C-alpha cells in the first residue's frame, strides 16, 4: 500500500509548523551518504503517500529515521540506508508511519530537487 495515515498532531509535534507546510532538517551522520552528506539540509514535504522508492522521514516503533523506502514485489517493506555500513530496517510486523517525503537537498547552496511518481 502506498498510503499511510498520519496522526492529526504528528507533524506539529515534529516541527512546530502547520501540518501541511514543508520543513527543513539538517542531516547528522553518514547513513545516507553519498547522496545526503553529513551537514546537508533536507526539505521534507508532509505527505500521506509514500512512493516506491522514495526518500522518507519515518517513525518506526517511536524512533525517527531518514531512509530510502522500498517495497519489494512480494510486498515486503523496508527502510534502507544508502551507506552499506548500516543495516536495513525490515518493517514487517513493526508499528511505523511516514512523516514526510524528502523533496529537496541543499549542500552549500547547491540545491537538488526530488520528484516522485504519483501513487496509482
PDB file of N, CA and C in Angstrom:
ATOM      1  N   UNK A   1       0.842  -1.172   0.000  1.00  0.00           N
ATOM      2  CA  UNK A   1       0.000   0.000   0.000  1.00  0.00           C
ATOM      3  C   UNK A   1       0.886   1.233   0.000  1.00  0.00           C
ATOM      4  N   UNK A   2       0.562   2.237  -0.802  1.00  0.00           N
ATOM      5  CA  UNK A   2       1.345   3.454  -0.904  1.00  0.00           C
ATOM      6  C   UNK A   2       0.908   4.539   0.062  1.00  0.00           C
ATOM      7  N   UNK A   3      -0.221   4.407   0.716  1.00  0.00           N
ATOM      8  CA  UNK A   3      -0.751   5.475   1.539  1.00  0.00           C
ATOM      9  C   UNK A   3      -0.691   5.102   3.008  1.00  0.00           C
ATOM     10  N   UNK A   4      -0.242   6.039   3.824  1.00  0.00           N
ATOM     11  CA  UNK A   4      -0.150   5.829   5.259  1.00  0.00           C
ATOM     12  C   UNK A   4      -0.856   6.963   5.959  1.00  0.00           C
ATOM     13  N   UNK A   5      -1.579   6.667   7.015  1.00  0.00           N
ATOM     14  CA  UNK A   5      -2.301   7.690   7.771  1.00  0.00           C
ATOM     15  C   UNK A   5      -1.364   8.318   8.792  1.00  0.00           C
ATOM     16  N   UNK A   6      -1.450   9.614   8.924  1.00  0.00           N
ATOM     17  CA  UNK A   6      -0.685  10.348   9.929  1.00  0.00           C
ATOM     18  C   UNK A   6      -1.617  10.764  11.055  1.00  0.00           C
ATOM     19  N   UNK A   7      -1.187  10.636  12.302  1.00  0.00           N
ATOM     20  CA  UNK A   7      -1.999  11.205  13.371  1.00  0.00           C
ATOM     21  C   UNK A   7      -2.156  12.702  13.131  1.00  0.00           C
ATOM     22  N   UNK A   8      -3.291  13.248  13.495  1.00  0.00           N
ATOM     23  CA  UNK A   8      -3.583  14.660  13.226  1.00  0.00           C
ATOM     24  C   UNK A   8      -2.507  15.606  13.744  1.00  0.00           C
ATOM     25  N   UNK A   9      -1.909  15.306  14.905  1.00  0.00           N
ATOM     26  CA  UNK A   9      -0.942  16.227  15.501  1.00  0.00           C
ATOM     27  C   UNK A   9       0.510  15.803  15.285  1.00  0.00           C
ATOM     28  N   UNK A  10       0.756  14.749  14.501  1.00  0.00           N
ATOM     29  CA  UNK A  10       2.109  14.208  14.358  1.00  0.00           C
ATOM     30  C   UNK A  10       3.091  15.233  13.816  1.00  0.00           C
ATOM     31  N   UNK A  11       2.750  15.941  12.750  1.00  0.00           N
ATOM     32  CA  UNK A  11       3.700  16.870  12.145  1.00  0.00           C
ATOM     33  C   UNK A  11       3.900  18.115  12.989  1.00  0.00           C
ATOM     34  N   UNK A  12       2.859  18.548  13.685  1.00  0.00           N
ATOM     35  CA  UNK A  12       3.031  19.704  14.562  1.00  0.00           C
ATOM     36  C   UNK A  12       4.013  19.368  15.671  1.00  0.00           C
ATOM     37  N   UNK A  13       3.931  18.169  16.213  1.00  0.00           N
ATOM     38  CA  UNK A  13       4.855  17.748  17.264  1.00  0.00           C
ATOM     39  C   UNK A  13       6.288  17.722  16.755  1.00  0.00           C
ATOM     40  N   UNK A  14       6.489  17.357  15.495  1.00  0.00           N
ATOM     41  CA  UNK A  14       7.830  17.247  14.930  1.00  0.00           C
ATOM     42  C   UNK A  14       8.436  18.620  14.689  1.00  0.00           C
ATOM     43  N   UNK A  15       7.694  19.492  14.022  1.00  0.00           N
ATOM     44  CA  UNK A  15       8.309  20.699  13.500  1.00  0.00           C
ATOM     45  C   UNK A  15       7.786  21.996  14.078  1.00  0.00           C
ATOM     46  N   UNK A  16       6.631  21.960  14.735  1.00  0.00           N
ATOM     47  CA  UNK A  16       6.032  23.199  15.197  1.00  0.00           C
ATOM     48  C   UNK A  16       5.389  23.975  14.069  1.00  0.00           C
ATOM     49  N   UNK A  17       5.399  23.439  12.862  1.00  0.00           N
ATOM     50  CA  UNK A  17       4.810  24.096  11.697  1.00  0.00           C
ATOM     51  C   UNK A  17       3.370  23.636  11.518  1.00  0.00           C
ATOM     52  N   UNK A  18       2.677  24.325  10.654  1.00  0.00           N
ATOM     53  CA  UNK A  18       1.351  23.857  10.287  1.00  0.00           C
ATOM     54  C   UNK A  18       1.490  22.465   9.671  1.00  0.00           C
ATOM     55  N   UNK A  19       0.473  21.667   9.780  1.00  0.00           N
ATOM     56  CA  UNK A  19       0.565  20.268   9.395  1.00  0.00           C
ATOM     57  C   UNK A  19       0.915  20.031   7.933  1.00  0.00           C
ATOM     58  N   UNK A  20       0.613  20.940   7.055  1.00  0.00           N
ATOM     59  CA  UNK A  20       0.859  20.717   5.627  1.00  0.00           C
ATOM     60  C   UNK A  20       2.038  21.520   5.087  1.00  0.00           C
ATOM     61  N   UNK A  21       2.750  22.244   5.915  1.00  0.00           N
ATOM     62  CA  UNK A  21       3.873  23.050   5.433  1.00  0.00           C
ATOM     63  C   UNK A  21       5.172  22.254   5.424  1.00  0.00           C
ATOM     64  N   UNK A  22       5.959  22.382   4.350  1.00  0.00           N
ATOM     65  CA  UNK A  22       7.271  21.725   4.324  1.00  0.00           C
ATOM     66  C   UNK A  22       8.147  22.257   5.459  1.00  0.00           C
ATOM     67  N   UNK A  23       9.069  21.426   5.917  1.00  0.00           N
ATOM     68  CA  UNK A  23      10.000  21.845   6.958  1.00  0.00           C
ATOM     69  C   UNK A  23      11.385  21.313   6.639  1.00  0.00           C
ATOM     70  N   UNK A  24      12.400  21.929   7.239  1.00  0.00           N
ATOM     71  CA  UNK A  24      13.791  21.578   6.964  1.00  0.00           C
ATOM     72  C   UNK A  24      14.415  20.892   8.171  1.00  0.00           C
ATOM     73  N   UNK A  25      15.315  19.956   7.887  1.00  0.00           N
ATOM     74  CA  UNK A  25      16.130  19.307   8.908  1.00  0.00           C
ATOM     75  C   UNK A  25      17.561  19.228   8.388  1.00  0.00           C
ATOM     76  N   UNK A  26      18.506  19.199   9.311  1.00  0.00           N
ATOM     77  CA  UNK A  26      19.904  19.014   8.938  1.00  0.00           C
ATOM     78  C   UNK A  26      20.261  17.545   9.132  1.00  0.00           C
ATOM     79  N   UNK A  27      20.920  16.964   8.145  1.00  0.00           N
ATOM     80  CA  UNK A  27      21.361  15.582   8.216  1.00  0.00           C
ATOM     81  C   UNK A  27      22.564  15.512   9.142  1.00  0.00           C
ATOM     82  N   UNK A  28      22.487  14.623  10.119  1.00  0.00           N
ATOM     83  CA  UNK A  28      23.594  14.393  11.046  1.00  0.00           C
ATOM     84  C   UNK A  28      24.011  12.934  10.923  1.00  0.00           C
ATOM     85  N   UNK A  29      25.199  12.698  10.449  1.00  0.00           N
ATOM     86  CA  UNK A  29      25.685  11.334  10.288  1.00  0.00           C
ATOM     87  C   UNK A  29      25.906  10.987   8.829  1.00  0.00           C
ATOM     88  N   UNK A  30      26.445   9.790   8.619  1.00  0.00           N
ATOM     89  CA  UNK A  30      26.825   9.361   7.270  1.00  0.00           C
ATOM     90  C   UNK A  30      25.944   8.237   6.726  1.00  0.00           C
ATOM     91  N   UNK A  31      24.823   7.960   7.372  1.00  0.00           N
ATOM     92  CA  UNK A  31      23.970   6.848   6.962  1.00  0.00           C
ATOM     93  C   UNK A  31      23.431   6.979   5.542  1.00  0.00           C
ATOM     94  N   UNK A  32      23.222   8.215   5.069  1.00  0.00           N
ATOM     95  CA  UNK A  32      22.630   8.423   3.751  1.00  0.00           C
ATOM     96  C   UNK A  32      23.629   8.971   2.733  1.00  0.00           C
ATOM     97  N   UNK A  33      24.922   8.874   3.040  1.00  0.00           N
ATOM     98  CA  UNK A  33      25.955   9.271   2.079  1.00  0.00           C
ATOM     99  C   UNK A  33      26.065   8.206   0.999  1.00  0.00           C
ATOM    100  N   UNK A  34      26.413   8.592  -0.205  1.00  0.00           N
ATOM    101  CA  UNK A  34      26.942   9.886  -0.609  1.00  0.00           C
ATOM    102  C   UNK A  34      25.874  10.898  -1.047  1.00  0.00           C
ATOM    103  N   UNK A  35      24.644  10.469  -1.276  1.00  0.00           N
ATOM    104  CA  UNK A  35      23.609  11.377  -1.787  1.00  0.00           C
ATOM    105  C   UNK A  35      23.296  12.507  -0.815  1.00  0.00           C
ATOM    106  N   UNK A  36      23.284  12.209   0.489  1.00  0.00           N
ATOM    107  CA  UNK A  36      22.946  13.192   1.517  1.00  0.00           C
ATOM    108  C   UNK A  36      24.081  13.221   2.551  1.00  0.00           C
ATOM    109  N   UNK A  37      25.123  14.013   2.309  1.00  0.00           N
ATOM    110  CA  UNK A  37      26.268  14.032   3.224  1.00  0.00           C
ATOM    111  C   UNK A  37      25.937  14.680   4.568  1.00  0.00           C
ATOM    112  N   UNK A  38      26.726  14.344   5.555  1.00  0.00           N
ATOM    113  CA  UNK A  38      26.602  14.925   6.885  1.00  0.00           C
ATOM    114  C   UNK A  38      26.587  16.444   6.787  1.00  0.00           C
ATOM    115  N   UNK A  39      25.618  17.078   7.434  1.00  0.00           N
ATOM    116  CA  UNK A  39      25.533  18.525   7.458  1.00  0.00           C
ATOM    117  C   UNK A  39      24.645  19.147   6.398  1.00  0.00           C
ATOM    118  N   UNK A  40      24.239  18.378   5.389  1.00  0.00           N
ATOM    119  CA  UNK A  40      23.373  18.968   4.364  1.00  0.00           C
ATOM    120  C   UNK A  40      21.976  19.197   4.936  1.00  0.00           C
ATOM    121  N   UNK A  41      21.222  20.033   4.269  1.00  0.00           N
ATOM    122  CA  UNK A  41      19.864  20.367   4.679  1.00  0.00           C
ATOM    123  C   UNK A  41      18.890  19.653   3.747  1.00  0.00           C
ATOM    124  N   UNK A  42      17.863  19.042   4.331  1.00  0.00           N
ATOM    125  CA  UNK A  42      16.816  18.415   3.530  1.00  0.00           C
ATOM    126  C   UNK A  42      15.493  19.115   3.802  1.00  0.00           C
ATOM    127  N   UNK A  43      14.669  19.200   2.765  1.00  0.00           N
ATOM    128  CA  UNK A  43      13.327  19.756   2.892  1.00  0.00           C
ATOM    129  C   UNK A  43      12.354  18.585   2.823  1.00  0.00           C
ATOM    130  N   UNK A  44      11.467  18.533   3.812  1.00  0.00           N
ATOM    131  CA  UNK A  44      10.515  17.438   3.934  1.00  0.00           C
ATOM    132  C   UNK A  44       9.108  17.963   3.679  1.00  0.00           C
ATOM    133  N   UNK A  45       8.437  17.318   2.757  1.00  0.00           N
ATOM    134  CA  UNK A  45       7.049  17.646   2.435  1.00  0.00           C
ATOM    135  C   UNK A  45       6.163  16.661   3.202  1.00  0.00           C
ATOM    136  N   UNK A  46       5.380  17.168   4.172  1.00  0.00           N
ATOM    137  CA  UNK A  46       4.459  16.268   4.857  1.00  0.00           C
ATOM    138  C   UNK A  46       3.585  15.581   3.816  1.00  0.00           C
ATOM    139  N   UNK A  47       3.411  14.279   3.953  1.00  0.00           N
ATOM    140  CA  UNK A  47       2.716  13.535   2.917  1.00  0.00           C
ATOM    141  C   UNK A  47       1.950  12.368   3.504  1.00  0.00           C
ATOM    142  N   UNK A  48       0.827  12.066   2.886  1.00  0.00           N
ATOM    143  CA  UNK A  48       0.059  10.884   3.254  1.00  0.00           C
ATOM    144  C   UNK A  48       0.413   9.715   2.350  1.00  0.00           C
ATOM    145  N   UNK A  49       1.257   9.949   1.346  1.00  0.00           N
ATOM    146  CA  UNK A  49       1.639   8.863   0.451  1.00  0.00           C
ATOM    147  C   UNK A  49       3.142   8.678   0.458  1.00  0.00           C
ATOM    148  N   UNK A  50       3.538   7.490   0.126  1.00  0.00           N
ATOM    149  CA  UNK A  50       4.952   7.138   0.132  1.00  0.00           C
ATOM    150  C   UNK A  50       5.246   6.349  -1.135  1.00  0.00           C
ATOM    151  N   UNK A  51       5.693   7.036  -2.195  1.00  0.00           N
ATOM    152  CA  UNK A  51       6.001   6.320  -3.433  1.00  0.00           C
ATOM    153  C   UNK A  51       7.122   5.300  -3.237  1.00  0.00           C
ATOM    154  N   UNK A  52       7.152   4.323  -4.092  1.00  0.00           N
ATOM    155  CA  UNK A  52       8.169   3.277  -4.029  1.00  0.00           C
ATOM    156  C   UNK A  52       9.058   3.372  -5.262  1.00  0.00           C
ATOM    157  N   UNK A  53      10.342   3.638  -5.117  1.00  0.00           N
ATOM    158  CA  UNK A  53      11.071   4.021  -3.899  1.00  0.00           C
ATOM    159  C   UNK A  53      10.986   5.527  -3.675  1.00  0.00           C
ATOM    160  N   UNK A  54      11.317   5.951  -2.463  1.00  0.00           N
ATOM    161  CA  UNK A  54      11.380   7.379  -2.156  1.00  0.00           C
ATOM    162  C   UNK A  54      12.204   7.586  -0.898  1.00  0.00           C
ATOM    163  N   UNK A  55      12.740   8.792  -0.774  1.00  0.00           N
ATOM    164  CA  UNK A  55      13.443   9.162   0.451  1.00  0.00           C
ATOM    165  C   UNK A  55      12.395   9.672   1.430  1.00  0.00           C
ATOM    166  N   UNK A  56      12.403   9.114   2.630  1.00  0.00           N
ATOM    167  CA  UNK A  56      11.357   9.443   3.594  1.00  0.00           C
ATOM    168  C   UNK A  56      11.925   9.770   4.963  1.00  0.00           C
ATOM    169  N   UNK A  57      11.137  10.520   5.711  1.00  0.00           N
ATOM    170  CA  UNK A  57      11.354  10.744   7.137  1.00  0.00           C
ATOM    171  C   UNK A  57      10.238   9.939   7.792  1.00  0.00           C
ATOM    172  N   UNK A  58      10.596   8.911   8.532  1.00  0.00           N
ATOM    173  CA  UNK A  58       9.609   7.981   9.069  1.00  0.00           C
ATOM    174  C   UNK A  58       9.852   7.739  10.553  1.00  0.00           C
ATOM    175  N   UNK A  59       8.804   7.296  11.202  1.00  0.00           N
ATOM    176  CA  UNK A  59       8.906   6.892  12.608  1.00  0.00           C
ATOM    177  C   UNK A  59       8.612   5.403  12.688  1.00  0.00           C
ATOM    178  N   UNK A  60       9.550   4.660  13.282  1.00  0.00           N
ATOM    179  CA  UNK A  60       9.413   3.218  13.436  1.00  0.00           C
ATOM    180  C   UNK A  60       9.550   2.894  14.916  1.00  0.00           C
ATOM    181  N   UNK A  61       8.465   2.357  15.484  1.00  0.00           N
ATOM    182  CA  UNK A  61       8.477   1.981  16.899  1.00  0.00           C
ATOM    183  C   UNK A  61       8.967   3.134  17.783  1.00  0.00           C
ATOM    184  N   UNK A  62       8.539   4.361  17.460  1.00  0.00           N
ATOM    185  CA  UNK A  62       8.869   5.530  18.269  1.00  0.00           C
ATOM    186  C   UNK A  62      10.208   6.185  17.962  1.00  0.00           C
ATOM    187  N   UNK A  63      10.970   5.644  17.008  1.00  0.00           N
ATOM    188  CA  UNK A  63      12.271   6.208  16.629  1.00  0.00           C
ATOM    189  C   UNK A  63      12.157   6.775  15.220  1.00  0.00           C
ATOM    190  N   UNK A  64      12.671   7.979  15.019  1.00  0.00           N
ATOM    191  CA  UNK A  64      12.582   8.645  13.709  1.00  0.00           C
ATOM    192  C   UNK A  64      13.827   8.361  12.869  1.00  0.00           C
ATOM    193  N   UNK A  65      13.574   8.094  11.578  1.00  0.00           N
ATOM    194  CA  UNK A  65      14.637   7.717  10.652  1.00  0.00           C
ATOM    195  C   UNK A  65      14.507   8.494   9.344  1.00  0.00           C
ATOM    196  N   UNK A  66      15.651   8.810   8.763  1.00  0.00           N
ATOM    197  CA  UNK A  66      15.720   9.314   7.394  1.00  0.00           C
ATOM    198  C   UNK A  66      16.340   8.188   6.581  1.00  0.00           C
ATOM    199  N   UNK A  67      15.547   7.613   5.679  1.00  0.00           N
ATOM    200  CA  UNK A  67      15.991   6.466   4.903  1.00  0.00           C
ATOM    201  C   UNK A  67      15.299   6.450   3.539  1.00  0.00           C
ATOM    202  N   UNK A  68      15.703   5.502   2.719  1.00  0.00           N
ATOM    203  CA  UNK A  68      15.018   5.273   1.453  1.00  0.00           C
ATOM    204  C   UNK A  68      14.019   4.138   1.661  1.00  0.00           C
ATOM    205  N   UNK A  69      12.762   4.401   1.297  1.00  0.00           N
ATOM    206  CA  UNK A  69      11.698   3.409   1.429  1.00  0.00           C
ATOM    207  C   UNK A  69      11.665   2.523   0.196  1.00  0.00           C
ATOM    208  N   UNK A  70      11.509   1.208   0.427  1.00  0.00           N
ATOM    209  CA  UNK A  70      11.371   0.245  -0.661  1.00  0.00           C
ATOM    210  C   UNK A  70      10.259  -0.739  -0.329  1.00  0.00           C
ATOM    211  N   UNK A  71       9.488  -1.076  -1.347  1.00  0.00           N
ATOM    212  CA  UNK A  71       8.517  -2.154  -1.237  1.00  0.00           C
ATOM    213  C   UNK A  71       8.839  -3.144  -2.345  1.00  0.00           C
ATOM    214  N   UNK A  72       9.176  -4.372  -1.954  1.00  0.00           N
ATOM    215  CA  UNK A  72       9.535  -5.410  -2.908  1.00  0.00           C
ATOM    216  C   UNK A  72       8.286  -5.941  -3.617  1.00  0.00           C
ATOM    217  N   UNK A  73       8.453  -6.618  -4.748  1.00  0.00           N
ATOM    218  CA  UNK A  73       7.301  -7.172  -5.466  1.00  0.00           C
ATOM    219  C   UNK A  73       6.441  -8.102  -4.602  1.00  0.00           C
ATOM    220  N   UNK A  74       7.052  -8.747  -3.615  1.00  0.00           N
ATOM    221  CA  UNK A  74       6.290  -9.643  -2.732  1.00  0.00           C
ATOM    222  C   UNK A  74       5.576  -8.883  -1.609  1.00  0.00           C
ATOM    223  N   UNK A  75       5.695  -7.541  -1.594  1.00  0.00           N
ATOM    224  CA  UNK A  75       5.009  -6.724  -0.594  1.00  0.00           C
ATOM    225  C   UNK A  75       5.833  -6.400   0.638  1.00  0.00           C
ATOM    226  N   UNK A  76       7.039  -6.946   0.753  1.00  0.00           N
ATOM    227  CA  UNK A  76       7.906  -6.661   1.897  1.00  0.00           C
ATOM    228  C   UNK A  76       8.336  -5.200   1.850  1.00  0.00           C
ATOM    229  N   UNK A  77       8.172  -4.485   2.970  1.00  0.00           N
ATOM    230  CA  UNK A  77       8.553  -3.076   3.051  1.00  0.00           C
ATOM    231  C   UNK A  77       9.770  -2.936   3.951  1.00  0.00           C
ATOM    232  N   UNK A  78      10.643  -1.997   3.568  1.00  0.00           N
ATOM    233  CA  UNK A  78      11.872  -1.798   4.345  1.00  0.00           C
ATOM    234  C   UNK A  78      12.392  -0.386   4.155  1.00  0.00           C
ATOM    235  N   UNK A  79      13.195   0.050   5.118  1.00  0.00           N
ATOM    236  CA  UNK A  79      13.899   1.322   5.044  1.00  0.00           C
ATOM    237  C   UNK A  79      15.375   1.005   4.893  1.00  0.00           C
ATOM    238  N   UNK A  80      16.009   1.660   3.922  1.00  0.00           N
ATOM    239  CA  UNK A  80      17.382   1.332   3.568  1.00  0.00           C
ATOM    240  C   UNK A  80      18.268   2.567   3.688  1.00  0.00           C
ATOM    241  N   UNK A  81      19.395   2.425   4.384  1.00  0.00           N
ATOM    242  CA  UNK A  81      20.421   3.470   4.403  1.00  0.00           C
ATOM    243  C   UNK A  81      21.216   3.358   3.110  1.00  0.00           C
ATOM    244  N   UNK A  82      21.614   4.479   2.524  1.00  0.00           N
ATOM    245  CA  UNK A  82      22.404   4.436   1.297  1.00  0.00           C
ATOM    246  C   UNK A  82      23.827   3.969   1.564  1.00  0.00           C
ATOM    247  N   UNK A  83      24.338   4.231   2.748  1.00  0.00           N
ATOM    248  CA  UNK A  83      25.665   3.783   3.146  1.00  0.00           C
ATOM    249  C   UNK A  83      25.555   2.309   3.537  1.00  0.00           C
ATOM    250  N   UNK A  84      26.265   1.415   2.827  1.00  0.00           N
ATOM    251  CA  UNK A  84      26.134  -0.023   3.082  1.00  0.00           C
ATOM    252  C   UNK A  84      26.635  -0.463   4.460  1.00  0.00           C
ATOM    253  N   UNK A  85      27.264   0.417   5.211  1.00  0.00           N
ATOM    254  CA  UNK A  85      27.713   0.061   6.552  1.00  0.00           C
ATOM    255  C   UNK A  85      26.549  -0.083   7.544  1.00  0.00           C
ATOM    256  N   UNK A  86      25.356   0.418   7.159  1.00  0.00           N
ATOM    257  CA  UNK A  86      24.207   0.410   8.068  1.00  0.00           C
ATOM    258  C   UNK A  86      23.165  -0.590   7.587  1.00  0.00           C
ATOM    259  N   UNK A  87      22.592  -1.351   8.522  1.00  0.00           N
ATOM    260  CA  UNK A  87      21.607  -2.364   8.129  1.00  0.00           C
ATOM    261  C   UNK A  87      20.280  -1.741   7.705  1.00  0.00           C
ATOM    262  N   UNK A  88      19.544  -2.480   6.879  1.00  0.00           N
ATOM    263  CA  UNK A  88      18.205  -2.036   6.513  1.00  0.00           C
ATOM    264  C   UNK A  88      17.257  -2.333   7.667  1.00  0.00           C
ATOM    265  N   UNK A  89      16.129  -1.649   7.656  1.00  0.00           N
ATOM    266  CA  UNK A  89      15.103  -1.854   8.676  1.00  0.00           C
ATOM    267  C   UNK A  89      13.928  -2.541   7.997  1.00  0.00           C
ATOM    268  N   UNK A  90      13.715  -3.807   8.340  1.00  0.00           N
ATOM    269  CA  UNK A  90      12.579  -4.553   7.813  1.00  0.00           C
ATOM    270  C   UNK A  90      11.354  -4.113   8.597  1.00  0.00           C
ATOM    271  N   UNK A  91      10.334  -3.605   7.911  1.00  0.00           N
ATOM    272  CA  UNK A  91       9.167  -3.038   8.569  1.00  0.00           C
ATOM    273  C   UNK A  91       8.087  -4.077   8.884  1.00  0.00           C
ATOM    274  N   UNK A  92       8.314  -5.321   8.505  1.00  0.00           N
ATOM    275  CA  UNK A  92       7.333  -6.378   8.744  1.00  0.00           C
ATOM    276  C   UNK A  92       7.030  -6.506  10.233  1.00  0.00           C
ATOM    277  N   UNK A  93       5.771  -6.354  10.571  1.00  0.00           N
ATOM    278  CA  UNK A  93       5.326  -6.524  11.949  1.00  0.00           C
ATOM    279  C   UNK A  93       5.614  -5.359  12.876  1.00  0.00           C
ATOM    280  N   UNK A  94       6.210  -4.291  12.360  1.00  0.00           N
ATOM    281  CA  UNK A  94       6.538  -3.140  13.196  1.00  0.00           C
ATOM    282  C   UNK A  94       5.465  -2.069  13.068  1.00  0.00           C
ATOM    283  N   UNK A  95       5.329  -1.254  14.122  1.00  0.00           N
ATOM    284  CA  UNK A  95       4.447  -0.093  14.066  1.00  0.00           C
ATOM    285  C   UNK A  95       5.255   1.061  13.494  1.00  0.00           C
ATOM    286  N   UNK A  96       4.804   1.599  12.355  1.00  0.00           N
ATOM    287  CA  UNK A  96       5.558   2.666  11.707  1.00  0.00           C
ATOM    288  C   UNK A  96       4.632   3.541  10.890  1.00  0.00           C
ATOM    289  N   UNK A  97       5.120   4.746  10.601  1.00  0.00           N
ATOM    290  CA  UNK A  97       4.388   5.660   9.747  1.00  0.00           C
ATOM    291  C   UNK A  97       5.345   6.620   9.092  1.00  0.00           C
ATOM    292  N   UNK A  98       4.940   7.080   7.914  1.00  0.00           N
ATOM    293  CA  UNK A  98       5.732   8.070   7.180  1.00  0.00           C
ATOM    294  C   UNK A  98       5.314   9.449   7.667  1.00  0.00           C
ATOM    295  N   UNK A  99       6.293  10.269   8.020  1.00  0.00           N
ATOM    296  CA  UNK A  99       6.028  11.639   8.457  1.00  0.00           C
ATOM    297  C   UNK A  99       6.150  12.622   7.301  1.00  0.00           C
ATOM    298  N   UNK A 100       6.917  12.252   6.283  1.00  0.00           N
ATOM    299  CA  UNK A 100       7.078  13.121   5.133  1.00  0.00           C
ATOM    300  C   UNK A 100       8.036  12.531   4.116  1.00  0.00           C
ATOM    301  N   UNK A 101       8.039  13.140   2.945  1.00  0.00           N
ATOM    302  CA  UNK A 101       8.892  12.710   1.839  1.00  0.00           C
ATOM    303  C   UNK A 101       9.902  13.823   1.556  1.00  0.00           C
ATOM    304  N   UNK A 102      11.155  13.442   1.373  1.00  0.00           N
ATOM    305  CA  UNK A 102      12.202  14.428   1.103  1.00  0.00           C
ATOM    306  C   UNK A 102      12.041  14.920  -0.337  1.00  0.00           C
ATOM    307  N   UNK A 103      11.920  16.239  -0.498  1.00  0.00           N
ATOM    308  CA  UNK A 103      11.709  16.823  -1.820  1.00  0.00           C
ATOM    309  C   UNK A 103      12.879  17.696  -2.289  1.00  0.00           C
ATOM    310  N   UNK A 104      13.822  17.983  -1.375  1.00  0.00           N
ATOM    311  CA  UNK A 104      14.944  18.846  -1.764  1.00  0.00           C
ATOM    312  C   UNK A 104      16.129  18.600  -0.846  1.00  0.00           C
ATOM    313  N   UNK A 105      17.318  18.768  -1.421  1.00  0.00           N
ATOM    314  CA  UNK A 105      18.572  18.691  -0.675  1.00  0.00           C
ATOM    315  C   UNK A 105      19.380  19.938  -0.987  1.00  0.00           C
ATOM    316  N   UNK A 106      20.044  20.477   0.025  1.00  0.00           N
ATOM    317  CA  UNK A 106      20.861  21.674  -0.146  1.00  0.00           C
ATOM    318  C   UNK A 106      22.242  21.404   0.454  1.00  0.00           C
ATOM    319  N   UNK A 107      23.258  21.441  -0.400  1.00  0.00           N
ATOM    320  CA  UNK A 107      24.641  21.294   0.054  1.00  0.00           C
ATOM    321  C   UNK A 107      25.372  22.561  -0.344  1.00  0.00           C
ATOM    322  N   UNK A 108      25.667  23.410   0.633  1.00  0.00           N
ATOM    323  CA  UNK A 108      26.366  24.673   0.372  1.00  0.00           C
ATOM    324  C   UNK A 108      25.772  25.422  -0.824  1.00  0.00           C
ATOM    325  N   UNK A 109      24.464  25.642  -0.771  1.00  0.00           N
ATOM    326  CA  UNK A 109      23.710  26.401  -1.771  1.00  0.00           C
ATOM    327  C   UNK A 109      23.547  25.685  -3.113  1.00  0.00           C
ATOM    328  N   UNK A 110      23.988  24.446  -3.198  1.00  0.00           N
ATOM    329  CA  UNK A 110      23.717  23.637  -4.388  1.00  0.00           C
ATOM    330  C   UNK A 110      22.460  22.827  -4.080  1.00  0.00           C
ATOM    331  N   UNK A 111      21.403  23.130  -4.794  1.00  0.00           N
ATOM    332  CA  UNK A 111      20.097  22.546  -4.499  1.00  0.00           C
ATOM    333  C   UNK A 111      19.767  21.456  -5.510  1.00  0.00           C
ATOM    334  N   UNK A 112      19.228  20.358  -4.999  1.00  0.00           N
ATOM    335  CA  UNK A 112      18.748  19.274  -5.846  1.00  0.00           C
ATOM    336  C   UNK A 112      17.319  18.962  -5.423  1.00  0.00           C
ATOM    337  N   UNK A 113      16.420  18.822  -6.403  1.00  0.00           N
ATOM    338  CA  UNK A 113      15.018  18.510  -6.133  1.00  0.00           C
ATOM    339  C   UNK A 113      14.764  17.032  -6.416  1.00  0.00           C
ATOM    340  N   UNK A 114      13.843  16.445  -5.656  1.00  0.00           N
ATOM    341  CA  UNK A 114      13.444  15.052  -5.834  1.00  0.00           C
ATOM    342  C   UNK A 114      11.959  15.029  -6.164  1.00  0.00           C
ATOM    343  N   UNK A 115      11.635  14.408  -7.281  1.00  0.00           N
ATOM    344  CA  UNK A 115      10.242  14.261  -7.722  1.00  0.00           C
ATOM    345  C   UNK A 115       9.921  12.779  -7.751  1.00  0.00           C
ATOM    346  N   UNK A 116       8.733  12.437  -7.286  1.00  0.00           N
ATOM    347  CA  UNK A 116       8.310  11.056  -7.209  1.00  0.00           C
ATOM    348  C   UNK A 116       7.050  10.865  -8.048  1.00  0.00           C
ATOM    349  N   UNK A 117       6.891   9.662  -8.599  1.00  0.00           N
ATOM    350  CA  UNK A 117       5.661   9.401  -9.350  1.00  0.00           C
ATOM    351  C   UNK A 117       4.468   9.412  -8.414  1.00  0.00           C
ATOM    352  N   UNK A 118       3.325   9.830  -8.938  1.00  0.00           N
ATOM    353  CA  UNK A 118       2.105   9.827  -8.139  1.00  0.00           C
ATOM    354  C   UNK A 118       1.667   8.385  -7.924  1.00  0.00           C
ATOM    355  N   UNK A 119       1.193   8.054  -6.707  1.00  0.00           N
ATOM    356  CA  UNK A 119       0.724   6.686  -6.467  1.00  0.00           C
ATOM    357  C   UNK A 119      -0.469   6.353  -7.359  1.00  0.00           C
ATOM    358  N   UNK A 120      -0.520   5.114  -7.762  1.00  0.00           N
ATOM    359  CA  UNK A 120      -1.606   4.661  -8.645  1.00  0.00           C
ATOM    360  C   UNK A 120      -2.910   4.513  -7.878  1.00  0.00           C
TER     361      UNK A 120
END
